[in-house]
């Protein structure tokens, strides 16, 4: 029963659903997991609230003077560092506004014995809501170009199996910790992409297949 670090970056902007979120991650049925939160709010008020009120293990990344891509990437790398320190075999990222369909989400994803495997979740609101699924279009000048599955293509992708896909976000993903020995989270100044884009691009370049459980 390998140890899993259930983790996420967050900020006080997610306070609107944090009662439900913290209750959910503390009620997962997997028998060997620890929780770690990395707050990147402007002040340390929310960090102290998580630490003292929620009694959860938490760190703080100061976002001042940094782009969103920079401080979010720093938050994810702080999580990876914690997983290594705790000798966790897997990292289970459940972002702080994502709610898995069942309390046994870790077991369900671990069952597939894959280095990276995600559950699906929606982004957008109302008529714009869709599953976060992206397919590879082509590679040019050492950079990948992707296309979002939308307008029904996301629904047609779903057939109940575990499928390869280029990218599916970091909202609900189980990653084997040794992956990070080869692929750290990163950002790039002047490039309008966040760390999840670089992560999945680096997976593709390294030949590590990404899967999503549909």
N, C-alpha and C. Protein backbone atom coordinates (compact mmCIF):
# COMPACT_ATOMS: atom_id res chain seq x y z
N UNK A 1 0.87 -1.18 0.00
CA UNK A 1 0.00 0.00 0.00
C UNK A 1 0.91 1.23 0.00
N UNK A 2 1.34 1.69 -1.18
CA UNK A 2 2.30 2.79 -1.24
C UNK A 2 1.74 4.10 -0.69
N UNK A 3 2.63 4.85 -0.07
CA UNK A 3 2.22 6.13 0.50
C UNK A 3 1.93 7.15 -0.61
N UNK A 4 0.86 7.90 -0.44
CA UNK A 4 0.43 8.90 -1.42
C UNK A 4 0.35 10.25 -0.74
N UNK A 5 0.85 11.28 -1.42
CA UNK A 5 0.67 12.65 -0.94
C UNK A 5 -0.49 13.28 -1.70
N UNK A 6 -1.59 13.53 -1.00
CA UNK A 6 -2.73 14.25 -1.58
C UNK A 6 -2.46 15.73 -1.40
N UNK A 7 -2.49 16.48 -2.47
CA UNK A 7 -1.94 17.83 -2.41
C UNK A 7 -2.59 18.75 -3.43
N UNK A 8 -2.36 20.04 -3.24
CA UNK A 8 -2.81 21.03 -4.21
C UNK A 8 -2.18 22.38 -3.90
N UNK A 9 -2.01 23.20 -4.91
CA UNK A 9 -1.79 24.63 -4.67
C UNK A 9 -3.15 25.29 -4.48
N UNK A 10 -3.21 26.33 -3.68
CA UNK A 10 -4.48 27.01 -3.48
C UNK A 10 -4.22 28.46 -3.09
N UNK A 11 -5.30 29.21 -2.92
CA UNK A 11 -5.20 30.58 -2.41
C UNK A 11 -6.54 30.95 -1.80
N UNK A 12 -6.59 32.12 -1.19
CA UNK A 12 -7.84 32.53 -0.55
C UNK A 12 -8.95 32.78 -1.56
N UNK A 13 -8.63 32.81 -2.84
CA UNK A 13 -9.66 32.92 -3.88
C UNK A 13 -10.53 31.67 -3.93
N UNK A 14 -10.04 30.58 -3.38
CA UNK A 14 -10.81 29.33 -3.37
C UNK A 14 -11.55 29.11 -2.06
N UNK A 15 -11.59 30.13 -1.23
CA UNK A 15 -12.24 29.99 0.08
C UNK A 15 -13.73 29.67 -0.07
N UNK A 16 -14.33 30.06 -1.19
CA UNK A 16 -15.77 29.88 -1.37
C UNK A 16 -16.21 28.41 -1.30
N UNK A 17 -15.29 27.47 -1.57
CA UNK A 17 -15.67 26.06 -1.51
C UNK A 17 -14.75 25.26 -0.60
N UNK A 18 -13.99 25.94 0.26
CA UNK A 18 -12.95 25.20 0.98
C UNK A 18 -13.50 24.29 2.09
N UNK A 19 -14.65 24.62 2.67
CA UNK A 19 -15.21 23.69 3.66
C UNK A 19 -15.47 22.33 3.03
N UNK A 20 -16.10 22.34 1.86
CA UNK A 20 -16.39 21.09 1.16
C UNK A 20 -15.10 20.42 0.70
N UNK A 21 -14.15 21.21 0.23
CA UNK A 21 -12.92 20.65 -0.30
C UNK A 21 -12.12 19.94 0.79
N UNK A 22 -11.88 20.64 1.89
CA UNK A 22 -11.06 20.04 2.95
C UNK A 22 -11.75 18.84 3.57
N UNK A 23 -13.06 18.90 3.68
CA UNK A 23 -13.79 17.74 4.17
C UNK A 23 -13.62 16.55 3.23
N UNK A 24 -13.65 16.82 1.93
CA UNK A 24 -13.52 15.75 0.93
C UNK A 24 -12.15 15.09 1.00
N UNK A 25 -11.08 15.89 1.01
CA UNK A 25 -9.74 15.27 0.96
C UNK A 25 -9.39 14.57 2.27
N UNK A 26 -10.06 14.95 3.36
CA UNK A 26 -9.82 14.26 4.63
C UNK A 26 -10.68 13.00 4.78
N UNK A 27 -11.54 12.75 3.79
CA UNK A 27 -12.46 11.62 3.87
C UNK A 27 -12.21 10.59 2.78
N UNK A 28 -11.07 10.65 2.12
CA UNK A 28 -10.75 9.67 1.09
C UNK A 28 -10.55 8.30 1.74
N UNK A 29 -10.88 7.25 1.02
CA UNK A 29 -10.86 5.91 1.63
C UNK A 29 -9.52 5.19 1.50
N UNK A 30 -8.58 5.75 0.78
CA UNK A 30 -7.28 5.09 0.64
C UNK A 30 -6.59 5.04 2.02
N UNK A 31 -6.01 3.90 2.39
CA UNK A 31 -5.53 3.74 3.77
C UNK A 31 -4.15 4.31 4.09
N UNK A 32 -3.44 4.85 3.11
CA UNK A 32 -2.08 5.32 3.40
C UNK A 32 -1.78 6.60 2.62
N UNK A 33 -2.37 7.70 3.07
CA UNK A 33 -2.09 8.98 2.42
C UNK A 33 -1.91 10.09 3.44
N UNK A 34 -1.16 11.09 3.03
CA UNK A 34 -0.97 12.31 3.82
C UNK A 34 -1.38 13.50 2.98
N UNK A 35 -1.66 14.61 3.64
CA UNK A 35 -2.16 15.81 2.96
C UNK A 35 -1.14 16.93 3.07
N UNK A 36 -0.97 17.64 1.97
CA UNK A 36 -0.10 18.81 1.99
C UNK A 36 -0.68 19.87 1.06
N UNK A 37 -0.82 21.08 1.59
CA UNK A 37 -1.39 22.20 0.85
C UNK A 37 -0.31 23.27 0.66
N UNK A 38 -0.28 23.90 -0.51
CA UNK A 38 0.64 25.02 -0.72
C UNK A 38 -0.17 26.26 -1.10
N UNK A 39 -0.21 27.19 -0.18
CA UNK A 39 -0.98 28.42 -0.37
C UNK A 39 -0.12 29.47 -1.07
N UNK A 40 -0.71 30.18 -2.03
CA UNK A 40 0.00 31.27 -2.69
C UNK A 40 -0.81 32.57 -2.67
N UNK A 41 -1.53 32.78 -1.56
CA UNK A 41 -2.25 34.03 -1.38
C UNK A 41 -1.28 35.19 -1.16
N UNK A 42 -1.75 36.40 -1.38
CA UNK A 42 -0.89 37.59 -1.24
C UNK A 42 -0.43 37.76 0.20
N UNK A 43 -1.32 37.50 1.16
CA UNK A 43 -0.94 37.57 2.57
C UNK A 43 -0.84 36.15 3.13
N UNK A 44 -0.39 36.04 4.37
CA UNK A 44 -0.30 34.73 5.01
C UNK A 44 -1.54 34.39 5.83
N UNK A 45 -2.59 35.20 5.72
CA UNK A 45 -3.80 34.95 6.53
C UNK A 45 -4.40 33.58 6.23
N UNK A 46 -4.52 33.24 4.96
CA UNK A 46 -5.14 31.97 4.59
C UNK A 46 -4.23 30.80 4.96
N UNK A 47 -2.95 30.98 4.79
CA UNK A 47 -1.97 29.98 5.23
C UNK A 47 -2.16 29.66 6.71
N UNK A 48 -2.28 30.69 7.54
CA UNK A 48 -2.45 30.49 8.97
C UNK A 48 -3.80 29.86 9.29
N UNK A 49 -4.80 30.21 8.50
CA UNK A 49 -6.13 29.60 8.71
C UNK A 49 -6.08 28.10 8.43
N UNK A 50 -5.42 27.72 7.34
CA UNK A 50 -5.31 26.29 7.01
C UNK A 50 -4.50 25.57 8.08
N UNK A 51 -3.44 26.20 8.53
CA UNK A 51 -2.57 25.58 9.52
C UNK A 51 -3.23 25.46 10.89
N UNK A 52 -3.85 26.53 11.35
CA UNK A 52 -4.35 26.57 12.72
C UNK A 52 -5.80 26.11 12.86
N UNK A 53 -6.64 26.48 11.90
CA UNK A 53 -8.05 26.09 11.97
C UNK A 53 -8.26 24.69 11.39
N UNK A 54 -7.67 24.46 10.22
CA UNK A 54 -7.87 23.16 9.55
C UNK A 54 -6.92 22.08 10.09
N UNK A 55 -5.83 22.51 10.75
CA UNK A 55 -4.84 21.58 11.29
C UNK A 55 -4.22 20.72 10.19
N UNK A 56 -3.99 21.35 9.04
CA UNK A 56 -3.40 20.64 7.92
C UNK A 56 -1.98 21.12 7.67
N UNK A 57 -1.17 20.27 7.11
CA UNK A 57 0.20 20.63 6.76
C UNK A 57 0.16 21.55 5.55
N UNK A 58 0.80 22.71 5.67
CA UNK A 58 0.68 23.74 4.63
C UNK A 58 1.96 24.55 4.54
N UNK A 59 2.29 25.00 3.33
CA UNK A 59 3.40 25.92 3.10
C UNK A 59 2.86 27.15 2.41
N UNK A 60 3.67 28.19 2.36
CA UNK A 60 3.25 29.43 1.69
C UNK A 60 4.29 29.86 0.68
N UNK A 61 3.84 30.15 -0.53
CA UNK A 61 4.67 30.73 -1.58
C UNK A 61 4.22 32.17 -1.78
N UNK A 62 5.15 33.09 -1.65
CA UNK A 62 4.82 34.51 -1.78
C UNK A 62 4.69 34.88 -3.27
N UNK A 63 3.51 35.35 -3.70
CA UNK A 63 3.33 35.65 -5.12
C UNK A 63 3.76 37.05 -5.53
N UNK A 64 4.17 37.87 -4.56
CA UNK A 64 4.45 39.28 -4.87
C UNK A 64 5.61 39.40 -5.85
N UNK A 65 5.40 40.22 -6.88
CA UNK A 65 6.43 40.45 -7.88
C UNK A 65 6.61 39.32 -8.86
N UNK A 66 5.70 38.35 -8.85
CA UNK A 66 5.82 37.19 -9.74
C UNK A 66 4.58 37.09 -10.62
N UNK A 67 4.74 36.50 -11.78
CA UNK A 67 3.60 36.21 -12.62
C UNK A 67 2.84 35.03 -12.03
N UNK A 68 1.57 34.87 -12.47
CA UNK A 68 0.79 33.74 -11.99
C UNK A 68 1.46 32.42 -12.36
N UNK A 69 1.99 32.34 -13.58
CA UNK A 69 2.67 31.11 -14.00
C UNK A 69 3.85 30.80 -13.10
N UNK A 70 4.56 31.84 -12.67
CA UNK A 70 5.74 31.64 -11.83
C UNK A 70 5.36 31.14 -10.44
N UNK A 71 4.43 31.82 -9.76
CA UNK A 71 4.16 31.40 -8.38
C UNK A 71 3.34 30.11 -8.31
N UNK A 72 2.56 29.82 -9.35
CA UNK A 72 1.87 28.53 -9.37
C UNK A 72 2.87 27.40 -9.58
N UNK A 73 3.83 27.61 -10.47
CA UNK A 73 4.88 26.61 -10.68
C UNK A 73 5.69 26.39 -9.42
N UNK A 74 6.03 27.48 -8.72
CA UNK A 74 6.76 27.35 -7.46
C UNK A 74 5.94 26.54 -6.45
N UNK A 75 4.64 26.73 -6.45
CA UNK A 75 3.77 25.99 -5.52
C UNK A 75 3.81 24.50 -5.83
N UNK A 76 3.73 24.15 -7.10
CA UNK A 76 3.77 22.73 -7.48
C UNK A 76 5.13 22.12 -7.14
N UNK A 77 6.20 22.84 -7.37
CA UNK A 77 7.52 22.29 -7.05
C UNK A 77 7.73 22.16 -5.55
N UNK A 78 7.09 23.02 -4.77
CA UNK A 78 7.14 22.87 -3.31
C UNK A 78 6.42 21.59 -2.90
N UNK A 79 5.34 21.27 -3.58
CA UNK A 79 4.61 20.04 -3.32
C UNK A 79 5.48 18.83 -3.64
N UNK A 80 6.16 18.86 -4.79
CA UNK A 80 7.03 17.75 -5.18
C UNK A 80 8.14 17.55 -4.14
N UNK A 81 8.72 18.65 -3.69
CA UNK A 81 9.76 18.57 -2.67
C UNK A 81 9.23 17.89 -1.42
N UNK A 82 8.02 18.22 -1.02
CA UNK A 82 7.43 17.62 0.17
C UNK A 82 7.21 16.12 -0.03
N UNK A 83 6.77 15.75 -1.20
CA UNK A 83 6.54 14.33 -1.48
C UNK A 83 7.83 13.53 -1.38
N UNK A 84 8.92 14.12 -1.87
CA UNK A 84 10.22 13.45 -1.79
C UNK A 84 10.68 13.34 -0.34
N UNK A 85 10.52 14.42 0.42
CA UNK A 85 10.91 14.41 1.83
C UNK A 85 10.13 13.35 2.62
N UNK A 86 8.87 13.17 2.28
CA UNK A 86 8.03 12.20 2.99
C UNK A 86 8.13 10.79 2.41
N UNK A 87 8.95 10.64 1.40
CA UNK A 87 9.15 9.35 0.74
C UNK A 87 7.83 8.76 0.23
N UNK A 88 7.06 9.61 -0.44
CA UNK A 88 5.80 9.16 -1.04
C UNK A 88 6.06 8.53 -2.41
N UNK A 89 5.32 7.49 -2.71
CA UNK A 89 5.49 6.80 -3.98
C UNK A 89 4.67 7.46 -5.08
N UNK A 90 3.55 8.07 -4.69
CA UNK A 90 2.68 8.76 -5.64
C UNK A 90 2.35 10.16 -5.12
N UNK A 91 2.05 11.04 -6.05
CA UNK A 91 1.46 12.33 -5.74
C UNK A 91 0.06 12.35 -6.35
N UNK A 92 -0.95 12.63 -5.53
CA UNK A 92 -2.32 12.75 -6.01
C UNK A 92 -2.74 14.20 -5.92
N UNK A 93 -2.70 14.89 -7.04
CA UNK A 93 -3.11 16.29 -7.08
C UNK A 93 -4.63 16.35 -7.25
N UNK A 94 -5.28 16.98 -6.30
CA UNK A 94 -6.72 17.28 -6.42
C UNK A 94 -6.85 18.78 -6.19
N UNK A 95 -7.02 19.52 -7.26
CA UNK A 95 -7.06 20.98 -7.12
C UNK A 95 -8.24 21.39 -6.26
N UNK A 96 -8.10 22.57 -5.64
CA UNK A 96 -8.98 22.95 -4.54
C UNK A 96 -10.37 23.40 -4.96
N UNK A 97 -10.72 23.23 -6.24
CA UNK A 97 -12.11 23.41 -6.66
C UNK A 97 -12.55 22.24 -7.54
N UNK A 98 -11.87 21.10 -7.38
CA UNK A 98 -12.21 19.88 -8.12
C UNK A 98 -12.66 18.82 -7.11
N UNK A 99 -13.78 18.16 -7.42
CA UNK A 99 -14.34 17.17 -6.51
C UNK A 99 -14.48 15.84 -7.23
N UNK A 100 -13.63 14.86 -6.90
CA UNK A 100 -13.68 13.55 -7.56
C UNK A 100 -15.04 12.88 -7.36
N UNK A 101 -15.35 11.91 -8.23
CA UNK A 101 -16.68 11.29 -8.19
C UNK A 101 -16.87 10.31 -7.05
N UNK A 102 -15.77 9.89 -6.39
CA UNK A 102 -15.90 8.89 -5.34
C UNK A 102 -14.74 9.00 -4.37
N UNK A 103 -14.95 8.55 -3.13
CA UNK A 103 -13.90 8.66 -2.12
C UNK A 103 -12.74 7.71 -2.37
N UNK A 104 -12.92 6.73 -3.26
CA UNK A 104 -11.85 5.78 -3.57
C UNK A 104 -11.11 6.16 -4.85
N UNK A 105 -11.05 7.44 -5.15
CA UNK A 105 -10.42 7.92 -6.38
C UNK A 105 -8.96 7.48 -6.48
N UNK A 106 -8.24 7.46 -5.36
CA UNK A 106 -6.83 7.06 -5.41
C UNK A 106 -6.71 5.60 -5.84
N UNK A 107 -7.49 4.72 -5.21
CA UNK A 107 -7.44 3.31 -5.57
C UNK A 107 -7.82 3.10 -7.03
N UNK A 108 -8.84 3.81 -7.47
CA UNK A 108 -9.32 3.62 -8.84
C UNK A 108 -8.27 4.00 -9.87
N UNK A 109 -7.52 5.05 -9.59
CA UNK A 109 -6.46 5.45 -10.52
C UNK A 109 -5.21 4.59 -10.34
N UNK A 110 -4.87 4.24 -9.12
CA UNK A 110 -3.69 3.43 -8.86
C UNK A 110 -3.83 2.03 -9.47
N UNK A 111 -5.04 1.54 -9.54
CA UNK A 111 -5.30 0.22 -10.09
C UNK A 111 -4.67 0.03 -11.48
N UNK A 112 -4.59 1.09 -12.25
CA UNK A 112 -4.10 0.99 -13.63
C UNK A 112 -2.58 0.86 -13.71
N UNK A 113 -1.88 1.12 -12.62
CA UNK A 113 -0.43 0.97 -12.55
C UNK A 113 0.27 1.72 -13.70
N UNK A 114 -0.05 3.00 -13.81
CA UNK A 114 0.52 3.86 -14.84
C UNK A 114 1.31 4.99 -14.18
N UNK A 115 2.32 5.52 -14.86
CA UNK A 115 3.09 6.62 -14.26
C UNK A 115 2.29 7.91 -14.09
N UNK A 116 1.37 8.17 -15.02
CA UNK A 116 0.52 9.36 -14.95
C UNK A 116 -0.86 8.98 -15.44
N UNK A 117 -1.87 9.16 -14.58
CA UNK A 117 -3.24 8.85 -14.98
C UNK A 117 -4.19 9.80 -14.26
N UNK A 118 -5.15 10.32 -15.02
CA UNK A 118 -6.07 11.33 -14.49
C UNK A 118 -7.50 10.85 -14.50
N UNK A 119 -8.30 11.48 -13.66
CA UNK A 119 -9.74 11.44 -13.81
C UNK A 119 -10.15 12.65 -14.65
N UNK A 120 -11.36 12.62 -15.17
CA UNK A 120 -11.85 13.74 -15.98
C UNK A 120 -12.57 14.76 -15.09
N UNK A 121 -12.54 16.00 -15.52
CA UNK A 121 -13.31 17.03 -14.82
C UNK A 121 -13.62 18.15 -15.81
N UNK A 122 -14.62 18.93 -15.47
CA UNK A 122 -15.09 19.99 -16.35
C UNK A 122 -14.41 21.32 -16.05
N UNK A 123 -14.29 22.13 -17.07
CA UNK A 123 -13.93 23.54 -16.92
C UNK A 123 -14.97 24.37 -17.66
N UNK A 124 -14.99 25.67 -17.37
CA UNK A 124 -15.98 26.54 -18.01
C UNK A 124 -17.30 26.51 -17.28
N UNK A 125 -18.20 27.38 -17.70
CA UNK A 125 -19.48 27.54 -17.03
C UNK A 125 -20.61 27.51 -18.05
N UNK A 126 -21.75 26.99 -17.61
CA UNK A 126 -22.95 27.01 -18.44
C UNK A 126 -22.74 26.34 -19.78
N UNK A 127 -23.12 27.04 -20.84
CA UNK A 127 -23.00 26.48 -22.19
C UNK A 127 -21.55 26.26 -22.60
N UNK A 128 -20.62 26.94 -21.91
CA UNK A 128 -19.20 26.80 -22.24
C UNK A 128 -18.53 25.66 -21.47
N UNK A 129 -19.27 24.97 -20.61
CA UNK A 129 -18.69 23.90 -19.82
C UNK A 129 -18.31 22.72 -20.71
N UNK A 130 -17.13 22.14 -20.44
CA UNK A 130 -16.65 21.00 -21.23
C UNK A 130 -15.63 20.25 -20.41
N UNK A 131 -15.38 19.02 -20.80
CA UNK A 131 -14.32 18.24 -20.18
C UNK A 131 -12.97 18.78 -20.64
N UNK A 132 -12.02 18.84 -19.71
CA UNK A 132 -10.68 19.33 -20.05
C UNK A 132 -9.87 18.18 -20.66
N UNK A 133 -9.89 18.11 -21.98
CA UNK A 133 -9.18 17.09 -22.74
C UNK A 133 -8.54 17.76 -23.94
N UNK A 134 -7.27 17.47 -24.19
CA UNK A 134 -6.56 18.09 -25.30
C UNK A 134 -5.81 17.03 -26.10
N UNK A 135 -5.96 17.09 -27.43
CA UNK A 135 -5.24 16.17 -28.29
C UNK A 135 -4.10 16.91 -28.99
N UNK A 136 -3.08 16.14 -29.35
CA UNK A 136 -1.93 16.70 -30.04
C UNK A 136 -2.28 16.91 -31.52
N UNK A 137 -2.03 18.12 -32.00
CA UNK A 137 -2.26 18.42 -33.40
C UNK A 137 -1.00 18.18 -34.23
N UNK A 138 0.07 18.86 -33.88
CA UNK A 138 1.33 18.66 -34.58
C UNK A 138 2.47 19.26 -33.77
N UNK A 139 3.67 18.94 -34.15
CA UNK A 139 4.86 19.46 -33.51
C UNK A 139 5.64 20.27 -34.53
N UNK A 140 6.01 21.50 -34.17
CA UNK A 140 6.81 22.33 -35.07
C UNK A 140 7.78 23.17 -34.26
N UNK A 141 9.00 23.30 -34.76
CA UNK A 141 10.04 24.09 -34.09
C UNK A 141 10.19 23.68 -32.63
N UNK A 142 10.17 22.36 -32.40
CA UNK A 142 10.35 21.80 -31.06
C UNK A 142 9.28 22.22 -30.07
N UNK A 143 8.11 22.61 -30.60
CA UNK A 143 7.00 22.92 -29.70
C UNK A 143 5.75 22.22 -30.19
N UNK A 144 4.91 21.79 -29.25
CA UNK A 144 3.70 21.06 -29.61
C UNK A 144 2.52 22.01 -29.75
N UNK A 145 1.61 21.65 -30.62
CA UNK A 145 0.38 22.41 -30.80
C UNK A 145 -0.78 21.47 -30.50
N UNK A 146 -1.67 21.91 -29.64
CA UNK A 146 -2.76 21.05 -29.19
C UNK A 146 -4.10 21.66 -29.55
N UNK A 147 -5.12 20.81 -29.52
CA UNK A 147 -6.49 21.25 -29.78
C UNK A 147 -7.39 20.75 -28.67
N UNK A 148 -8.20 21.65 -28.11
CA UNK A 148 -9.16 21.25 -27.10
C UNK A 148 -10.27 20.41 -27.73
N UNK A 149 -10.68 19.35 -27.04
CA UNK A 149 -11.85 18.60 -27.47
C UNK A 149 -13.08 19.35 -26.95
N UNK A 150 -13.88 19.86 -27.86
CA UNK A 150 -15.05 20.64 -27.48
C UNK A 150 -16.17 20.40 -28.48
N UNK A 151 -17.32 21.03 -28.24
CA UNK A 151 -18.48 20.92 -29.13
C UNK A 151 -18.89 19.46 -29.36
N UNK A 152 -18.84 18.69 -28.28
CA UNK A 152 -19.26 17.30 -28.35
C UNK A 152 -18.13 16.31 -28.54
N UNK A 153 -16.99 16.78 -29.03
CA UNK A 153 -15.86 15.85 -29.21
C UNK A 153 -15.36 15.32 -27.88
N UNK A 154 -15.49 16.13 -26.81
CA UNK A 154 -15.09 15.65 -25.49
C UNK A 154 -15.98 14.50 -25.04
N UNK A 155 -17.29 14.62 -25.26
CA UNK A 155 -18.22 13.56 -24.88
C UNK A 155 -17.99 12.30 -25.70
N UNK A 156 -17.73 12.46 -26.99
CA UNK A 156 -17.50 11.31 -27.86
C UNK A 156 -16.22 10.56 -27.49
N UNK A 157 -15.28 11.26 -26.86
CA UNK A 157 -14.03 10.63 -26.43
C UNK A 157 -14.27 9.63 -25.31
N UNK A 158 -15.30 9.86 -24.53
CA UNK A 158 -15.58 9.07 -23.34
C UNK A 158 -16.24 7.75 -23.73
N UNK A 159 -15.56 6.64 -23.38
CA UNK A 159 -16.15 5.33 -23.65
C UNK A 159 -16.00 4.37 -22.48
N UNK A 160 -15.59 4.87 -21.33
CA UNK A 160 -15.48 4.03 -20.15
C UNK A 160 -14.15 3.33 -19.98
N UNK A 161 -13.23 3.52 -20.93
CA UNK A 161 -11.93 2.87 -20.84
C UNK A 161 -10.86 3.85 -20.38
N UNK A 162 -9.66 3.33 -20.17
CA UNK A 162 -8.50 4.17 -19.89
C UNK A 162 -7.80 4.42 -21.22
N UNK A 163 -7.62 5.70 -21.57
CA UNK A 163 -7.15 6.04 -22.90
C UNK A 163 -5.95 6.97 -22.84
N UNK A 164 -5.08 6.83 -23.81
CA UNK A 164 -3.99 7.79 -23.96
C UNK A 164 -4.56 9.12 -24.45
N UNK A 165 -3.97 10.20 -23.93
CA UNK A 165 -4.33 11.53 -24.40
C UNK A 165 -3.14 12.44 -24.15
N UNK A 166 -3.03 13.49 -24.94
CA UNK A 166 -1.87 14.36 -24.76
C UNK A 166 -1.93 15.07 -23.42
N UNK A 167 -3.05 15.72 -23.10
CA UNK A 167 -3.14 16.49 -21.85
C UNK A 167 -4.58 16.50 -21.35
N UNK A 168 -4.71 16.59 -20.02
CA UNK A 168 -6.04 16.62 -19.41
C UNK A 168 -6.03 17.41 -18.11
N UNK A 169 -5.14 18.40 -18.02
CA UNK A 169 -5.08 19.24 -16.84
C UNK A 169 -4.44 18.54 -15.66
N UNK A 170 -4.27 19.30 -14.58
CA UNK A 170 -3.68 18.75 -13.35
C UNK A 170 -4.69 18.75 -12.20
N UNK A 171 -5.97 18.80 -12.54
CA UNK A 171 -6.99 18.95 -11.50
C UNK A 171 -7.23 17.72 -10.66
N UNK A 172 -7.03 16.53 -11.27
CA UNK A 172 -7.30 15.29 -10.54
C UNK A 172 -6.42 14.20 -11.14
N UNK A 173 -5.16 14.18 -10.76
CA UNK A 173 -4.18 13.33 -11.43
C UNK A 173 -3.29 12.62 -10.42
N UNK A 174 -3.04 11.35 -10.67
CA UNK A 174 -2.13 10.54 -9.86
C UNK A 174 -0.82 10.39 -10.64
N UNK A 175 0.28 10.85 -10.05
CA UNK A 175 1.57 10.83 -10.71
C UNK A 175 2.56 10.07 -9.85
N UNK A 176 3.23 9.10 -10.43
CA UNK A 176 4.27 8.38 -9.71
C UNK A 176 5.43 9.33 -9.45
N UNK A 177 5.93 9.33 -8.24
CA UNK A 177 6.89 10.35 -7.81
C UNK A 177 8.18 10.32 -8.61
N UNK A 178 8.58 9.15 -9.11
CA UNK A 178 9.84 9.09 -9.85
C UNK A 178 9.78 9.83 -11.17
N UNK A 179 8.58 10.15 -11.64
CA UNK A 179 8.45 10.95 -12.87
C UNK A 179 9.15 12.29 -12.71
N UNK A 180 9.11 12.84 -11.49
CA UNK A 180 9.65 14.18 -11.28
C UNK A 180 11.18 14.21 -11.24
N UNK A 181 11.80 13.04 -11.19
CA UNK A 181 13.26 13.00 -11.34
C UNK A 181 13.66 13.39 -12.76
N UNK A 182 12.76 13.18 -13.69
CA UNK A 182 13.02 13.51 -15.09
C UNK A 182 12.31 14.77 -15.54
N UNK A 183 11.16 15.06 -14.93
CA UNK A 183 10.32 16.15 -15.42
C UNK A 183 9.86 17.01 -14.25
N UNK A 184 10.57 18.09 -13.95
CA UNK A 184 10.10 19.03 -12.93
C UNK A 184 9.02 19.94 -13.52
N UNK A 185 8.23 20.52 -12.65
CA UNK A 185 7.30 21.55 -13.10
C UNK A 185 8.10 22.81 -13.46
N UNK A 186 7.69 23.50 -14.51
CA UNK A 186 8.43 24.67 -14.93
C UNK A 186 7.51 25.67 -15.63
N UNK A 187 8.01 26.87 -15.78
CA UNK A 187 7.35 27.91 -16.56
C UNK A 187 8.43 28.58 -17.39
N UNK A 188 8.02 29.47 -18.27
CA UNK A 188 8.99 30.18 -19.10
C UNK A 188 8.58 31.63 -19.22
N UNK A 189 9.48 32.52 -18.87
CA UNK A 189 9.19 33.95 -18.95
C UNK A 189 8.81 34.34 -20.38
N UNK A 190 7.76 35.15 -20.49
CA UNK A 190 7.35 35.65 -21.79
C UNK A 190 6.53 34.69 -22.61
N UNK A 191 6.27 33.50 -22.08
CA UNK A 191 5.46 32.51 -22.79
C UNK A 191 4.14 32.35 -22.05
N UNK A 192 3.04 32.48 -22.77
CA UNK A 192 1.72 32.50 -22.14
C UNK A 192 1.18 31.09 -21.94
N UNK A 193 1.96 30.26 -21.26
CA UNK A 193 1.52 28.91 -20.91
C UNK A 193 1.85 28.67 -19.44
N UNK A 194 0.99 27.84 -18.81
CA UNK A 194 1.22 27.50 -17.41
C UNK A 194 1.96 26.17 -17.31
N UNK A 195 2.28 25.79 -16.09
CA UNK A 195 3.14 24.62 -15.88
C UNK A 195 2.52 23.31 -16.36
N UNK A 196 1.19 23.22 -16.42
CA UNK A 196 0.60 21.97 -16.90
C UNK A 196 0.91 21.74 -18.37
N UNK A 197 0.91 22.81 -19.17
CA UNK A 197 1.26 22.67 -20.58
C UNK A 197 2.68 22.17 -20.75
N UNK A 198 3.61 22.77 -20.00
CA UNK A 198 5.00 22.33 -20.08
C UNK A 198 5.16 20.91 -19.56
N UNK A 199 4.42 20.56 -18.52
CA UNK A 199 4.52 19.21 -17.95
C UNK A 199 4.13 18.16 -18.98
N UNK A 200 2.98 18.35 -19.62
CA UNK A 200 2.53 17.36 -20.60
C UNK A 200 3.40 17.36 -21.85
N UNK A 201 3.92 18.51 -22.21
CA UNK A 201 4.86 18.57 -23.34
C UNK A 201 6.12 17.78 -23.01
N UNK A 202 6.63 17.95 -21.81
CA UNK A 202 7.84 17.22 -21.40
C UNK A 202 7.58 15.72 -21.29
N UNK A 203 6.39 15.33 -20.83
CA UNK A 203 6.03 13.91 -20.82
C UNK A 203 6.11 13.35 -22.24
N UNK A 204 5.51 14.06 -23.17
CA UNK A 204 5.50 13.63 -24.57
C UNK A 204 6.92 13.51 -25.11
N UNK A 205 7.75 14.51 -24.83
CA UNK A 205 9.12 14.50 -25.32
C UNK A 205 9.92 13.35 -24.71
N UNK A 206 9.64 13.04 -23.45
CA UNK A 206 10.36 11.96 -22.75
C UNK A 206 9.82 10.57 -23.09
N UNK A 207 8.72 10.53 -23.83
CA UNK A 207 8.15 9.25 -24.18
C UNK A 207 7.35 8.59 -23.07
N UNK A 208 6.92 9.39 -22.10
CA UNK A 208 6.09 8.87 -21.01
C UNK A 208 4.62 9.11 -21.38
N UNK A 209 3.86 8.06 -21.53
CA UNK A 209 2.49 8.19 -22.00
C UNK A 209 1.57 8.69 -20.87
N UNK A 210 0.70 9.61 -21.25
CA UNK A 210 -0.30 10.13 -20.32
C UNK A 210 -1.63 9.45 -20.61
N UNK A 211 -2.34 9.11 -19.53
CA UNK A 211 -3.63 8.43 -19.68
C UNK A 211 -4.70 9.16 -18.88
N UNK A 212 -5.94 8.96 -19.33
CA UNK A 212 -7.10 9.47 -18.60
C UNK A 212 -8.13 8.34 -18.50
N UNK A 213 -8.69 8.19 -17.31
CA UNK A 213 -9.70 7.18 -17.07
C UNK A 213 -11.06 7.80 -17.40
N UNK A 214 -11.69 7.30 -18.47
CA UNK A 214 -12.96 7.89 -18.90
C UNK A 214 -14.17 7.22 -18.27
